[in-house]
Amino acid sequence: MERYEIETFLTLAEELHFTRTAERLRVSPGRISQTIKKLEHRIGGALFERSNRSVALTPAGQQFHAELLPAYQQVQQAVANVSAACRGLGGMLRVGFSGPWSGDLIVRAAEEFHARHPRCTVEMQEVTFAPAFTALRDHDLDILVKELPADGPEFAVGPLLFSDRRALAVPASHELAAQETISHEDLALVPLITPLGASRNVLDAHYPCRTPGGRSVPQGPAAVAWQEMLALVGAGKGATPVSAKAAEYHGRPDVVYVPFDDAPSVEHVPMWLKGRESAEIQAFVHVLLQIAPGR
């Protein structure tokens, strides 16, 4: 296949509109139609269903798209990586983090990264919950250091940087605040404050609807940002799971952080959008691994 055939098919599969596809590729709609017909003739079957009002992928087109897109992205990435290696690393790397404990690591990594690659600079941004993944999707961030899991299959997950004990932020006036540790069964005793817009992956991992014993977990309000969530906890509106490190950075007289005695660790990793891994991202992750706690 020629490159223009690949780009024409992938763009039309995304737009599902001949005129918009032509505008993006700066050719005529007739050229798009001709290229697709030629491609379908070579393959031996229709890739798109066409009508006066709509364009849709056929089952064959869906299969072709699912297999072709990753391969095309891999080729693009290989070209970008070799090009970067030839010219040397450079440019701005935008790094997001979900908590100050990750921010401390990124500050040290950014200094070391710039020392090794003087033409590179790092821009840091604190982002939490669903907006963090939106920033990656919208290409406002290049890399994100955050607790697992990722928000969807479109994100690549790098190696483990560090892990921390899981805790529950509870109102200081709540009975759980007096305990040294808690279990997942204790979640049935307090409404759970959740992040607004979080994916099912994230909710299932950190904000369960039921305890392991089958008891219902009361649902509290949802919050957009971390400080809003802490304010709700302090006001007695519920509790929320956190990294135990939050106690070191977010001490409040109305909030107590009680560690779980039966929960897996919170694992922090670098993440980025699949198909956008660059030589700069690879180099920065390498630095993160070298200076991460316990390494």
C-alpha atoms as a PDB file:
ATOM      1  CA  MET A   1       0.000   0.000   0.000  1.00  0.00           C
ATOM      2  CA  GLU A   2       1.103   3.533  -0.701  1.00  0.00           C
ATOM      3  CA  ARG A   3       1.311   6.045   2.110  1.00  0.00           C
ATOM      4  CA  TYR A   4      -1.476   8.213   0.664  1.00  0.00           C
ATOM      5  CA  GLU A   5      -3.776   5.160   0.567  1.00  0.00           C
ATOM      6  CA  ILE A   6      -3.112   4.419   4.225  1.00  0.00           C
ATOM      7  CA  GLU A   7      -3.665   8.039   5.248  1.00  0.00           C
ATOM      8  CA  THR A   8      -6.812   8.313   3.136  1.00  0.00           C
ATOM      9  CA  PHE A   9      -8.356   5.172   4.641  1.00  0.00           C
ATOM     10  CA  LEU A  10      -7.455   6.061   8.250  1.00  0.00           C
ATOM     11  CA  THR A  11      -8.674   9.645   7.912  1.00  0.00           C
ATOM     12  CA  LEU A  12     -11.970   8.611   6.317  1.00  0.00           C
ATOM     13  CA  ALA A  13     -12.433   5.959   9.002  1.00  0.00           C
ATOM     14  CA  GLU A  14     -12.081   8.720  11.590  1.00  0.00           C
ATOM     15  CA  GLU A  15     -14.159  11.397   9.892  1.00  0.00           C
ATOM     16  CA  LEU A  16     -16.748   9.159   8.148  1.00  0.00           C
ATOM     17  CA  HIS A  17     -17.269  12.061   5.767  1.00  0.00           C
ATOM     18  CA  PHE A  18     -15.702  12.417   2.313  1.00  0.00           C
ATOM     19  CA  THR A  19     -15.652  16.224   2.221  1.00  0.00           C
ATOM     20  CA  ARG A  20     -14.051  16.622   5.654  1.00  0.00           C
ATOM     21  CA  THR A  21     -11.514  13.929   4.782  1.00  0.00           C
ATOM     22  CA  ALA A  22     -10.647  15.769   1.589  1.00  0.00           C
ATOM     23  CA  GLU A  23     -10.241  19.041   3.477  1.00  0.00           C
ATOM     24  CA  ARG A  24      -7.902  17.455   6.010  1.00  0.00           C
ATOM     25  CA  LEU A  25      -5.763  15.840   3.310  1.00  0.00           C
ATOM     26  CA  ARG A  26      -6.013  18.876   0.999  1.00  0.00           C
ATOM     27  CA  VAL A  27      -7.306  16.971  -2.005  1.00  0.00           C
ATOM     28  CA  SER A  28     -10.660  16.793  -3.748  1.00  0.00           C
ATOM     29  CA  PRO A  29     -13.521  14.561  -2.529  1.00  0.00           C
ATOM     30  CA  GLY A  30     -13.312  12.817  -5.879  1.00  0.00           C
ATOM     31  CA  ARG A  31      -9.708  11.884  -5.192  1.00  0.00           C
ATOM     32  CA  ILE A  32     -10.734  10.405  -1.836  1.00  0.00           C
ATOM     33  CA  SER A  33     -13.507   8.351  -3.441  1.00  0.00           C
ATOM     34  CA  GLN A  34     -11.193   7.144  -6.204  1.00  0.00           C
ATOM     35  CA  THR A  35      -8.487   6.102  -3.727  1.00  0.00           C
ATOM     36  CA  ILE A  36     -10.950   4.164  -1.563  1.00  0.00           C
ATOM     37  CA  LYS A  37     -12.486   2.393  -4.581  1.00  0.00           C
ATOM     38  CA  LYS A  38      -9.033   1.391  -5.766  1.00  0.00           C
ATOM     39  CA  LEU A  39      -8.146   0.102  -2.303  1.00  0.00           C
ATOM     40  CA  GLU A  40     -11.393  -1.862  -2.031  1.00  0.00           C
ATOM     41  CA  HIS A  41     -10.793  -3.420  -5.450  1.00  0.00           C
ATOM     42  CA  ARG A  42      -7.337  -4.539  -4.365  1.00  0.00           C
ATOM     43  CA  ILE A  43      -8.625  -5.983  -1.085  1.00  0.00           C
ATOM     44  CA  GLY A  44     -11.598  -7.636  -2.725  1.00  0.00           C
ATOM     45  CA  GLY A  45     -14.398  -6.214  -0.620  1.00  0.00           C
ATOM     46  CA  ALA A  46     -16.106  -3.052   0.585  1.00  0.00           C
ATOM     47  CA  LEU A  47     -14.470  -1.146   3.446  1.00  0.00           C
ATOM     48  CA  PHE A  48     -17.178   1.505   3.788  1.00  0.00           C
ATOM     49  CA  GLU A  49     -20.935   1.555   3.516  1.00  0.00           C
ATOM     50  CA  ARG A  50     -21.996   4.689   1.661  1.00  0.00           C
ATOM     51  CA  SER A  51     -25.366   6.401   1.399  1.00  0.00           C
ATOM     52  CA  ASN A  52     -26.538   9.920   0.620  1.00  0.00           C
ATOM     53  CA  ARG A  53     -26.574  10.730   4.315  1.00  0.00           C
ATOM     54  CA  SER A  54     -23.868   8.682   5.989  1.00  0.00           C
ATOM     55  CA  VAL A  55     -20.611   6.786   5.705  1.00  0.00           C
ATOM     56  CA  ALA A  56     -19.806   3.815   7.949  1.00  0.00           C
ATOM     57  CA  LEU A  57     -17.153   1.144   8.178  1.00  0.00           C
ATOM     58  CA  THR A  58     -18.157  -2.332   7.095  1.00  0.00           C
ATOM     59  CA  PRO A  59     -17.111  -5.282   9.301  1.00  0.00           C
ATOM     60  CA  ALA A  60     -14.140  -5.762   6.957  1.00  0.00           C
ATOM     61  CA  GLY A  61     -13.355  -2.060   7.259  1.00  0.00           C
ATOM     62  CA  GLN A  62     -13.493  -2.249  11.045  1.00  0.00           C
ATOM     63  CA  GLN A  63     -11.065  -5.171  11.068  1.00  0.00           C
ATOM     64  CA  PHE A  64      -8.752  -3.443   8.616  1.00  0.00           C
ATOM     65  CA  HIS A  65      -8.783  -0.256  10.705  1.00  0.00           C
ATOM     66  CA  ALA A  66      -8.115  -2.120  13.963  1.00  0.00           C
ATOM     67  CA  GLU A  67      -5.054  -3.841  12.500  1.00  0.00           C
ATOM     68  CA  LEU A  68      -3.744  -1.017  10.321  1.00  0.00           C
ATOM     69  CA  LEU A  69      -3.872   1.904  12.772  1.00  0.00           C
ATOM     70  CA  PRO A  70      -1.421   0.494  15.372  1.00  0.00           C
ATOM     71  CA  ALA A  71       1.014  -0.531  12.653  1.00  0.00           C
ATOM     72  CA  TYR A  72       0.860   2.910  11.037  1.00  0.00           C
ATOM     73  CA  GLN A  73       1.377   4.619  14.410  1.00  0.00           C
ATOM     74  CA  GLN A  74       4.349   2.369  15.087  1.00  0.00           C
ATOM     75  CA  VAL A  75       5.954   3.341  11.780  1.00  0.00           C
ATOM     76  CA  GLN A  76       5.367   7.023  12.516  1.00  0.00           C
ATOM     77  CA  GLN A  77       6.873   6.631  15.966  1.00  0.00           C
ATOM     78  CA  ALA A  78       9.927   4.818  14.604  1.00  0.00           C
ATOM     79  CA  VAL A  79      10.565   7.650  12.164  1.00  0.00           C
ATOM     80  CA  ALA A  80      10.146  10.249  14.916  1.00  0.00           C
ATOM     81  CA  ASN A  81      12.456   8.382  17.291  1.00  0.00           C
ATOM     82  CA  VAL A  82      15.247   7.981  14.749  1.00  0.00           C
ATOM     83  CA  SER A  83      14.871  11.606  13.689  1.00  0.00           C
ATOM     84  CA  ALA A  84      15.133  12.739  17.305  1.00  0.00           C
ATOM     85  CA  ALA A  85      18.167  10.545  17.879  1.00  0.00           C
ATOM     86  CA  CYS A  86      19.900  12.043  14.864  1.00  0.00           C
ATOM     87  CA  ARG A  87      19.297  15.635  15.857  1.00  0.00           C
ATOM     88  CA  GLY A  88      19.598  15.096  19.615  1.00  0.00           C
ATOM     89  CA  LEU A  89      16.839  15.476  22.186  1.00  0.00           C
ATOM     90  CA  GLY A  90      15.242  18.883  22.444  1.00  0.00           C
ATOM     91  CA  GLY A  91      12.074  20.840  23.052  1.00  0.00           C
ATOM     92  CA  MET A  92       9.488  21.112  25.796  1.00  0.00           C
ATOM     93  CA  LEU A  93       8.259  18.047  27.687  1.00  0.00           C
ATOM     94  CA  ARG A  94       4.987  18.672  29.525  1.00  0.00           C
ATOM     95  CA  VAL A  95       4.721  16.435  32.597  1.00  0.00           C
ATOM     96  CA  GLY A  96       1.621  16.095  34.750  1.00  0.00           C
ATOM     97  CA  PHE A  97       1.411  14.677  38.262  1.00  0.00           C
ATOM     98  CA  SER A  98      -1.486  13.779  40.526  1.00  0.00           C
ATOM     99  CA  GLY A  99       0.001  14.449  43.955  1.00  0.00           C
ATOM    100  CA  PRO A 100       2.816  16.442  45.565  1.00  0.00           C
ATOM    101  CA  TRP A 101       4.677  13.219  46.393  1.00  0.00           C
ATOM    102  CA  SER A 102       4.940  12.634  42.632  1.00  0.00           C
ATOM    103  CA  GLY A 103       5.701  16.305  42.075  1.00  0.00           C
ATOM    104  CA  ASP A 104       8.775  16.099  44.293  1.00  0.00           C
ATOM    105  CA  LEU A 105      10.080  13.241  42.167  1.00  0.00           C
ATOM    106  CA  ILE A 106       9.415  15.111  38.937  1.00  0.00           C
ATOM    107  CA  VAL A 107      11.247  18.222  40.136  1.00  0.00           C
ATOM    108  CA  ARG A 108      14.389  16.171  40.795  1.00  0.00           C
ATOM    109  CA  ALA A 109      13.967  14.250  37.552  1.00  0.00           C
ATOM    110  CA  ALA A 110      13.538  17.469  35.566  1.00  0.00           C
ATOM    111  CA  GLU A 111      16.799  18.871  36.918  1.00  0.00           C
ATOM    112  CA  GLU A 112      18.692  15.699  36.039  1.00  0.00           C
ATOM    113  CA  PHE A 113      16.979  15.444  32.650  1.00  0.00           C
ATOM    114  CA  HIS A 114      17.961  19.000  31.725  1.00  0.00           C
ATOM    115  CA  ALA A 115      21.529  18.385  32.888  1.00  0.00           C
ATOM    116  CA  ARG A 116      21.782  15.406  30.533  1.00  0.00           C
ATOM    117  CA  HIS A 117      19.855  17.036  27.682  1.00  0.00           C
ATOM    118  CA  PRO A 118      20.402  20.827  27.810  1.00  0.00           C
ATOM    119  CA  ARG A 119      18.152  21.421  24.799  1.00  0.00           C
ATOM    120  CA  CYS A 120      15.198  19.925  26.715  1.00  0.00           C
ATOM    121  CA  THR A 121      13.007  21.699  29.246  1.00  0.00           C
ATOM    122  CA  VAL A 122      10.294  20.274  31.468  1.00  0.00           C
ATOM    123  CA  GLU A 123       7.021  22.006  32.234  1.00  0.00           C
ATOM    124  CA  MET A 124       5.189  20.624  35.269  1.00  0.00           C
ATOM    125  CA  GLN A 125       1.464  20.714  35.956  1.00  0.00           C
ATOM    126  CA  GLU A 126      -0.576  19.258  38.798  1.00  0.00           C
ATOM    127  CA  VAL A 127      -3.688  17.520  37.448  1.00  0.00           C
ATOM    128  CA  THR A 128      -6.025  15.182  39.285  1.00  0.00           C
ATOM    129  CA  PHE A 129      -8.687  12.631  38.538  1.00  0.00           C
ATOM    130  CA  ALA A 130     -10.449  12.643  35.136  1.00  0.00           C
ATOM    131  CA  PRO A 131      -8.947  15.984  33.930  1.00  0.00           C
ATOM    132  CA  ALA A 132      -5.492  14.381  34.088  1.00  0.00           C
ATOM    133  CA  PHE A 133      -6.400  11.832  31.422  1.00  0.00           C
ATOM    134  CA  THR A 134      -8.282  14.439  29.401  1.00  0.00           C
ATOM    135  CA  ALA A 135      -5.088  16.494  29.270  1.00  0.00           C
ATOM    136  CA  LEU A 136      -3.226  13.496  27.809  1.00  0.00           C
ATOM    137  CA  ARG A 137      -5.971  12.824  25.269  1.00  0.00           C
ATOM    138  CA  ASP A 138      -6.029  16.488  24.207  1.00  0.00           C
ATOM    139  CA  HIS A 139      -2.219  16.538  23.897  1.00  0.00           C
ATOM    140  CA  ASP A 140      -1.940  19.191  26.620  1.00  0.00           C
ATOM    141  CA  LEU A 141       0.417  16.811  28.446  1.00  0.00           C
ATOM    142  CA  ASP A 142       3.091  14.497  27.082  1.00  0.00           C
ATOM    143  CA  ILE A 143       3.426  12.267  30.122  1.00  0.00           C
ATOM    144  CA  LEU A 144       1.572  11.784  33.389  1.00  0.00           C
ATOM    145  CA  VAL A 145       2.850  10.322  36.672  1.00  0.00           C
ATOM    146  CA  LYS A 146      -0.166   8.930  38.446  1.00  0.00           C
ATOM    147  CA  GLU A 147      -1.499   5.997  40.422  1.00  0.00           C
ATOM    148  CA  LEU A 148      -2.809   2.972  38.556  1.00  0.00           C
ATOM    149  CA  PRO A 149      -5.040   2.123  36.777  1.00  0.00           C
ATOM    150  CA  ALA A 150      -4.998   4.033  33.493  1.00  0.00           C
ATOM    151  CA  ASP A 151      -8.296   5.506  32.339  1.00  0.00           C
ATOM    152  CA  GLY A 152      -8.552   3.391  29.185  1.00  0.00           C
ATOM    153  CA  PRO A 153      -6.758   1.193  26.648  1.00  0.00           C
ATOM    154  CA  GLU A 154      -5.493   4.196  24.687  1.00  0.00           C
ATOM    155  CA  PHE A 155      -2.881   4.882  27.357  1.00  0.00           C
ATOM    156  CA  ALA A 156       0.548   3.264  27.573  1.00  0.00           C
ATOM    157  CA  VAL A 157       1.691   2.407  31.104  1.00  0.00           C
ATOM    158  CA  GLY A 158       5.348   2.596  32.022  1.00  0.00           C
ATOM    159  CA  PRO A 159       7.273   0.747  34.748  1.00  0.00           C
ATOM    160  CA  LEU A 160       6.491   1.054  38.457  1.00  0.00           C
ATOM    161  CA  LEU A 161       8.159   4.098  40.035  1.00  0.00           C
ATOM    162  CA  PHE A 162       7.089   3.657  43.645  1.00  0.00           C
ATOM    163  CA  SER A 163       4.220   2.315  45.713  1.00  0.00           C
ATOM    164  CA  ASP A 164       2.595   3.443  48.925  1.00  0.00           C
ATOM    165  CA  ARG A 165       0.220   2.123  51.529  1.00  0.00           C
ATOM    166  CA  ARG A 166      -3.471   2.809  50.886  1.00  0.00           C
ATOM    167  CA  ALA A 167      -5.413   4.862  53.446  1.00  0.00           C
ATOM    168  CA  LEU A 168      -8.854   6.370  53.945  1.00  0.00           C
ATOM    169  CA  ALA A 169      -9.296  10.091  54.560  1.00  0.00           C
ATOM    170  CA  VAL A 170     -12.123  10.355  57.093  1.00  0.00           C
ATOM    171  CA  PRO A 171     -13.711  13.242  59.024  1.00  0.00           C
ATOM    172  CA  ALA A 172     -11.931  13.771  62.329  1.00  0.00           C
ATOM    173  CA  SER A 173     -15.305  13.469  64.068  1.00  0.00           C
ATOM    174  CA  HIS A 174     -16.093  10.028  62.591  1.00  0.00           C
ATOM    175  CA  GLU A 175     -15.694   6.857  64.662  1.00  0.00           C
ATOM    176  CA  LEU A 176     -13.190   5.421  62.134  1.00  0.00           C
ATOM    177  CA  ALA A 177     -10.794   8.301  62.870  1.00  0.00           C
ATOM    178  CA  ALA A 178     -10.007   6.731  66.260  1.00  0.00           C
ATOM    179  CA  GLN A 179      -8.837   3.423  64.771  1.00  0.00           C
ATOM    180  CA  GLU A 180      -5.197   2.623  64.037  1.00  0.00           C
ATOM    181  CA  THR A 181      -6.137   0.737  60.860  1.00  0.00           C
ATOM    182  CA  ILE A 182      -9.304  -0.108  58.952  1.00  0.00           C
ATOM    183  CA  SER A 183     -10.447  -2.831  56.569  1.00  0.00           C
ATOM    184  CA  HIS A 184     -12.457  -2.736  53.359  1.00  0.00           C
ATOM    185  CA  GLU A 185     -15.478  -3.881  55.360  1.00  0.00           C
ATOM    186  CA  ASP A 186     -15.363  -0.538  57.190  1.00  0.00           C
ATOM    187  CA  LEU A 187     -16.270   1.234  53.942  1.00  0.00           C
ATOM    188  CA  ALA A 188     -19.869   0.260  54.674  1.00  0.00           C
ATOM    189  CA  LEU A 189     -19.808   2.675  57.643  1.00  0.00           C
ATOM    190  CA  VAL A 190     -19.256   5.943  55.774  1.00  0.00           C
ATOM    191  CA  PRO A 191     -20.360   7.521  52.460  1.00  0.00           C
ATOM    192  CA  LEU A 192     -17.639   7.336  49.822  1.00  0.00           C
ATOM    193  CA  ILE A 193     -16.675  10.579  48.076  1.00  0.00           C
ATOM    194  CA  THR A 194     -15.689   9.910  44.458  1.00  0.00           C
ATOM    195  CA  PRO A 195     -14.007  11.891  41.670  1.00  0.00           C
ATOM    196  CA  LEU A 196     -16.445  13.355  39.151  1.00  0.00           C
ATOM    197  CA  GLY A 197     -16.130  11.884  35.669  1.00  0.00           C
ATOM    198  CA  ALA A 198     -13.857   8.989  36.663  1.00  0.00           C
ATOM    199  CA  SER A 199     -13.896   5.932  34.399  1.00  0.00           C
ATOM    200  CA  ARG A 200     -15.187   2.551  35.494  1.00  0.00           C
ATOM    201  CA  ASN A 201     -11.543   1.319  35.608  1.00  0.00           C
ATOM    202  CA  VAL A 202     -10.671   3.925  38.220  1.00  0.00           C
ATOM    203  CA  LEU A 203     -13.896   3.566  40.207  1.00  0.00           C
ATOM    204  CA  ASP A 204     -13.589  -0.218  40.422  1.00  0.00           C
ATOM    205  CA  ALA A 205      -9.963   0.013  41.574  1.00  0.00           C
ATOM    206  CA  HIS A 206     -10.348   2.695  44.246  1.00  0.00           C
ATOM    207  CA  TYR A 207     -14.028   3.366  44.954  1.00  0.00           C
ATOM    208  CA  PRO A 208     -15.925   0.065  45.302  1.00  0.00           C
ATOM    209  CA  CYS A 209     -19.714  -0.133  45.496  1.00  0.00           C
ATOM    210  CA  ARG A 210     -19.598  -3.140  47.830  1.00  0.00           C
ATOM    211  CA  THR A 211     -17.245  -4.484  50.455  1.00  0.00           C
ATOM    212  CA  PRO A 212     -15.559  -7.899  49.990  1.00  0.00           C
ATOM    213  CA  GLY A 213     -18.262  -9.317  52.278  1.00  0.00           C
ATOM    214  CA  GLY A 214     -21.030  -7.990  50.030  1.00  0.00           C
ATOM    215  CA  ARG A 215     -22.143  -5.023  52.139  1.00  0.00           C
ATOM    216  CA  SER A 216     -23.238  -1.920  50.253  1.00  0.00           C
ATOM    217  CA  VAL A 217     -20.900   1.083  50.377  1.00  0.00           C
ATOM    218  CA  PRO A 218     -22.893   4.332  50.784  1.00  0.00           C
ATOM    219  CA  GLN A 219     -22.284   6.774  47.946  1.00  0.00           C
ATOM    220  CA  GLY A 220     -21.379  10.326  48.927  1.00  0.00           C
ATOM    221  CA  PRO A 221     -20.945  13.415  46.747  1.00  0.00           C
ATOM    222  CA  ALA A 222     -18.565  13.625  43.773  1.00  0.00           C
ATOM    223  CA  ALA A 223     -15.797  16.195  43.480  1.00  0.00           C
ATOM    224  CA  VAL A 224     -13.796  17.566  40.550  1.00  0.00           C
ATOM    225  CA  ALA A 225     -10.557  18.395  42.356  1.00  0.00           C
ATOM    226  CA  TRP A 226      -8.546  17.056  45.277  1.00  0.00           C
ATOM    227  CA  GLN A 227      -8.934  20.126  47.520  1.00  0.00           C
ATOM    228  CA  GLU A 228     -12.686  20.049  46.966  1.00  0.00           C
ATOM    229  CA  MET A 229     -12.682  16.395  47.991  1.00  0.00           C
ATOM    230  CA  LEU A 230     -10.746  17.151  51.180  1.00  0.00           C
ATOM    231  CA  ALA A 231     -13.155  19.979  52.013  1.00  0.00           C
ATOM    232  CA  LEU A 232     -16.072  17.565  51.732  1.00  0.00           C
ATOM    233  CA  VAL A 233     -14.307  15.063  53.988  1.00  0.00           C
ATOM    234  CA  GLY A 234     -13.533  17.759  56.551  1.00  0.00           C
ATOM    235  CA  ALA A 235     -17.161  18.878  56.493  1.00  0.00           C
ATOM    236  CA  GLY A 236     -18.267  15.361  57.395  1.00  0.00           C
ATOM    237  CA  LYS A 237     -19.839  14.531  54.019  1.00  0.00           C
ATOM    238  CA  GLY A 238     -17.971  11.249  53.680  1.00  0.00           C
ATOM    239  CA  ALA A 239     -14.557   9.637  53.253  1.00  0.00           C
ATOM    240  CA  THR A 240     -12.274   8.926  50.321  1.00  0.00           C
ATOM    241  CA  PRO A 241      -9.394   6.481  49.619  1.00  0.00           C
ATOM    242  CA  VAL A 242      -5.966   8.061  49.231  1.00  0.00           C
ATOM    243  CA  SER A 243      -2.278   7.311  49.240  1.00  0.00           C
ATOM    244  CA  ALA A 244      -1.016   7.282  52.816  1.00  0.00           C
ATOM    245  CA  LYS A 245       1.529   9.917  51.754  1.00  0.00           C
ATOM    246  CA  ALA A 246      -1.354  12.411  51.679  1.00  0.00           C
ATOM    247  CA  ALA A 247      -1.030  12.700  55.466  1.00  0.00           C
ATOM    248  CA  GLU A 248       2.455  14.217  55.031  1.00  0.00           C
ATOM    249  CA  TYR A 249       1.325  16.836  52.514  1.00  0.00           C
ATOM    250  CA  HIS A 250      -2.332  17.561  53.272  1.00  0.00           C
ATOM    251  CA  GLY A 251      -2.626  17.718  57.046  1.00  0.00           C
ATOM    252  CA  ARG A 252      -5.891  19.266  58.254  1.00  0.00           C
ATOM    253  CA  PRO A 253      -7.403  19.420  61.749  1.00  0.00           C
ATOM    254  CA  ASP A 254     -10.732  18.111  60.423  1.00  0.00           C
ATOM    255  CA  VAL A 255      -9.323  15.153  58.419  1.00  0.00           C
ATOM    256  CA  VAL A 256      -7.637  11.979  59.640  1.00  0.00           C
ATOM    257  CA  TYR A 257      -5.822   9.490  57.386  1.00  0.00           C
ATOM    258  CA  VAL A 258      -6.334   5.897  58.535  1.00  0.00           C
ATOM    259  CA  PRO A 259      -4.343   3.155  56.720  1.00  0.00           C
ATOM    260  CA  PHE A 260      -5.996   0.005  55.396  1.00  0.00           C
ATOM    261  CA  ASP A 261      -4.748  -3.309  56.741  1.00  0.00           C
ATOM    262  CA  ASP A 262      -6.144  -5.405  53.867  1.00  0.00           C
ATOM    263  CA  ALA A 263      -5.690  -3.293  50.739  1.00  0.00           C
ATOM    264  CA  PRO A 264      -3.085  -3.539  47.977  1.00  0.00           C
ATOM    265  CA  SER A 265      -0.535  -0.776  47.640  1.00  0.00           C
ATOM    266  CA  VAL A 266      -1.153   2.316  45.536  1.00  0.00           C
ATOM    267  CA  GLU A 267       1.235   2.008  42.584  1.00  0.00           C
ATOM    268  CA  HIS A 268       2.520   5.102  40.798  1.00  0.00           C
ATOM    269  CA  VAL A 269       3.657   4.861  37.171  1.00  0.00           C
ATOM    270  CA  PRO A 270       4.328   7.087  34.173  1.00  0.00           C
ATOM    271  CA  MET A 271       1.611   7.062  31.490  1.00  0.00           C
ATOM    272  CA  TRP A 272       1.327   8.533  28.015  1.00  0.00           C
ATOM    273  CA  LEU A 273      -0.936   8.294  25.007  1.00  0.00           C
ATOM    274  CA  LYS A 274      -0.240   5.294  22.788  1.00  0.00           C
ATOM    275  CA  GLY A 275       1.298   6.298  19.487  1.00  0.00           C
ATOM    276  CA  ARG A 276       2.872   9.444  20.953  1.00  0.00           C
ATOM    277  CA  GLU A 277       5.869   7.968  22.744  1.00  0.00           C
ATOM    278  CA  SER A 278       8.935   9.978  21.798  1.00  0.00           C
ATOM    279  CA  ALA A 279      12.640   9.729  22.449  1.00  0.00           C
ATOM    280  CA  GLU A 280      12.184  12.542  24.980  1.00  0.00           C
ATOM    281  CA  ILE A 281       9.525  10.588  26.876  1.00  0.00           C
ATOM    282  CA  GLN A 282      11.700   7.471  26.884  1.00  0.00           C
ATOM    283  CA  ALA A 283      14.669   9.429  28.205  1.00  0.00           C
ATOM    284  CA  PHE A 284      12.609  11.117  30.923  1.00  0.00           C
ATOM    285  CA  VAL A 285      11.136   7.810  32.092  1.00  0.00           C
ATOM    286  CA  HIS A 286      14.691   6.429  32.279  1.00  0.00           C
ATOM    287  CA  VAL A 287      15.661   9.316  34.592  1.00  0.00           C
ATOM    288  CA  LEU A 288      12.532   8.812  36.704  1.00  0.00           C
ATOM    289  CA  LEU A 289      13.435   5.167  37.228  1.00  0.00           C
ATOM    290  CA  GLN A 290      16.959   6.031  38.294  1.00  0.00           C
ATOM    291  CA  ILE A 291      15.942   8.475  41.025  1.00  0.00           C
ATOM    292  CA  ALA A 292      12.588   7.018  42.138  1.00  0.00           C
ATOM    293  CA  PRO A 293      12.321   6.004  45.816  1.00  0.00           C
ATOM    294  CA  GLY A 294      13.716   2.564  46.544  1.00  0.00           C
ATOM    295  CA  ARG A 295      15.645   2.294  43.275  1.00  0.00           C
END
